[in-house]
Amino acid sequence: MLPLSDFFYSDPYATLMDGVLYGKYLGIHQAEGSPCHHLTFGQEGLYWQIWIDTGDKPLPRKLQLTY
């Protein structure tokens, strides 16, 4: 499965959280010049971070995957 394919499901949250062992909210940090909620998650064999815009449209701004 492609790493970003989880965003194309009707319920991306359920798909992304499947198998998550831990998660942590890291606060508000800049991504692409915008303030974003910064979250990190760990799954078996995968560590990922996501930055979600704090504005009126909370869309992902940045995603980092580490296998």
C-alpha atoms as a PDB file:
ATOM      1  CA  MET A   1       0.000   0.000   0.000  1.00  0.00           C
ATOM      2  CA  LEU A   2       1.246   3.504  -0.766  1.00  0.00           C
ATOM      3  CA  PRO A   3       2.103   5.522   2.371  1.00  0.00           C
ATOM      4  CA  LEU A   4      -0.317   8.342   1.518  1.00  0.00           C
ATOM      5  CA  SER A   5      -3.160   6.135   0.324  1.00  0.00           C
ATOM      6  CA  ASP A   6      -4.717   6.262   3.830  1.00  0.00           C
ATOM      7  CA  PHE A   7      -5.859   9.829   3.074  1.00  0.00           C
ATOM      8  CA  PHE A   8      -8.103   8.588   0.248  1.00  0.00           C
ATOM      9  CA  TYR A   9     -10.414   6.477   2.435  1.00  0.00           C
ATOM     10  CA  SER A  10     -13.839   7.767   3.483  1.00  0.00           C
ATOM     11  CA  ASP A  11     -12.659   7.737   7.123  1.00  0.00           C
ATOM     12  CA  PRO A  12      -8.922   8.562   7.016  1.00  0.00           C
ATOM     13  CA  TYR A  13      -8.734   8.880  10.815  1.00  0.00           C
ATOM     14  CA  ALA A  14      -9.782   5.257  11.379  1.00  0.00           C
ATOM     15  CA  THR A  15      -7.373   4.030   8.718  1.00  0.00           C
ATOM     16  CA  LEU A  16      -4.431   6.122   9.960  1.00  0.00           C
ATOM     17  CA  MET A  17      -4.979   5.123  13.617  1.00  0.00           C
ATOM     18  CA  ASP A  18      -5.149   1.389  12.866  1.00  0.00           C
ATOM     19  CA  GLY A  19      -2.129  -0.203  14.563  1.00  0.00           C
ATOM     20  CA  VAL A  20      -0.945   2.967  16.329  1.00  0.00           C
ATOM     21  CA  LEU A  21       1.001   2.084  19.479  1.00  0.00           C
ATOM     22  CA  TYR A  22       1.425   5.646  20.755  1.00  0.00           C
ATOM     23  CA  GLY A  23       0.739   9.224  19.821  1.00  0.00           C
ATOM     24  CA  LYS A  24       1.740  12.601  21.180  1.00  0.00           C
ATOM     25  CA  TYR A  25       0.663  16.191  20.600  1.00  0.00           C
ATOM     26  CA  LEU A  26       3.793  18.353  20.278  1.00  0.00           C
ATOM     27  CA  GLY A  27       2.108  21.776  20.157  1.00  0.00           C
ATOM     28  CA  ILE A  28       1.840  24.498  17.524  1.00  0.00           C
ATOM     29  CA  HIS A  29       4.758  24.621  15.080  1.00  0.00           C
ATOM     30  CA  GLN A  30       5.319  26.214  11.677  1.00  0.00           C
ATOM     31  CA  ALA A  31       4.929  24.159   8.499  1.00  0.00           C
ATOM     32  CA  GLU A  32       5.062  25.768   5.067  1.00  0.00           C
ATOM     33  CA  GLY A  33       4.878  29.184   6.767  1.00  0.00           C
ATOM     34  CA  SER A  34       1.640  28.482   8.649  1.00  0.00           C
ATOM     35  CA  PRO A  35       0.974  27.640  12.295  1.00  0.00           C
ATOM     36  CA  CYS A  36       0.036  23.975  12.581  1.00  0.00           C
ATOM     37  CA  HIS A  37      -0.838  21.375  15.187  1.00  0.00           C
ATOM     38  CA  HIS A  38       2.165  19.022  15.277  1.00  0.00           C
ATOM     39  CA  LEU A  39       1.448  15.390  16.150  1.00  0.00           C
ATOM     40  CA  THR A  40       3.630  12.290  16.186  1.00  0.00           C
ATOM     41  CA  PHE A  41       2.650   8.617  16.108  1.00  0.00           C
ATOM     42  CA  GLY A  42       4.356   5.259  16.276  1.00  0.00           C
ATOM     43  CA  GLN A  43       3.343   1.973  14.729  1.00  0.00           C
ATOM     44  CA  GLU A  44       5.284  -1.247  14.413  1.00  0.00           C
ATOM     45  CA  GLY A  45       8.082  -0.450  11.964  1.00  0.00           C
ATOM     46  CA  LEU A  46       6.805   3.070  11.260  1.00  0.00           C
ATOM     47  CA  TYR A  47       7.194   6.449  12.957  1.00  0.00           C
ATOM     48  CA  TRP A  48       5.261   9.367  11.480  1.00  0.00           C
ATOM     49  CA  GLN A  49       4.567  13.021  12.118  1.00  0.00           C
ATOM     50  CA  ILE A  50       1.837  15.230  10.760  1.00  0.00           C
ATOM     51  CA  TRP A  51       1.319  18.996  10.802  1.00  0.00           C
ATOM     52  CA  ILE A  52      -2.343  20.123  10.504  1.00  0.00           C
ATOM     53  CA  ASP A  53      -3.268  23.750   9.797  1.00  0.00           C
ATOM     54  CA  THR A  54      -4.768  25.632  12.772  1.00  0.00           C
ATOM     55  CA  GLY A  55      -6.955  27.804  10.525  1.00  0.00           C
ATOM     56  CA  ASP A  56     -10.580  27.486   9.415  1.00  0.00           C
ATOM     57  CA  LYS A  57      -9.697  24.554   7.124  1.00  0.00           C
ATOM     58  CA  PRO A  58      -7.672  22.070   9.230  1.00  0.00           C
ATOM     59  CA  LEU A  59      -5.963  20.301   6.339  1.00  0.00           C
ATOM     60  CA  PRO A  60      -2.618  18.484   6.565  1.00  0.00           C
ATOM     61  CA  ARG A  61       0.300  20.760   5.613  1.00  0.00           C
ATOM     62  CA  LYS A  62       3.176  18.338   6.066  1.00  0.00           C
ATOM     63  CA  LEU A  63       3.719  14.619   6.619  1.00  0.00           C
ATOM     64  CA  GLN A  64       6.972  12.879   7.517  1.00  0.00           C
ATOM     65  CA  LEU A  65       7.336   9.085   7.480  1.00  0.00           C
ATOM     66  CA  THR A  66      10.269   7.137   8.870  1.00  0.00           C
ATOM     67  CA  TYR A  67      10.441   3.370   8.341  1.00  0.00           C
END
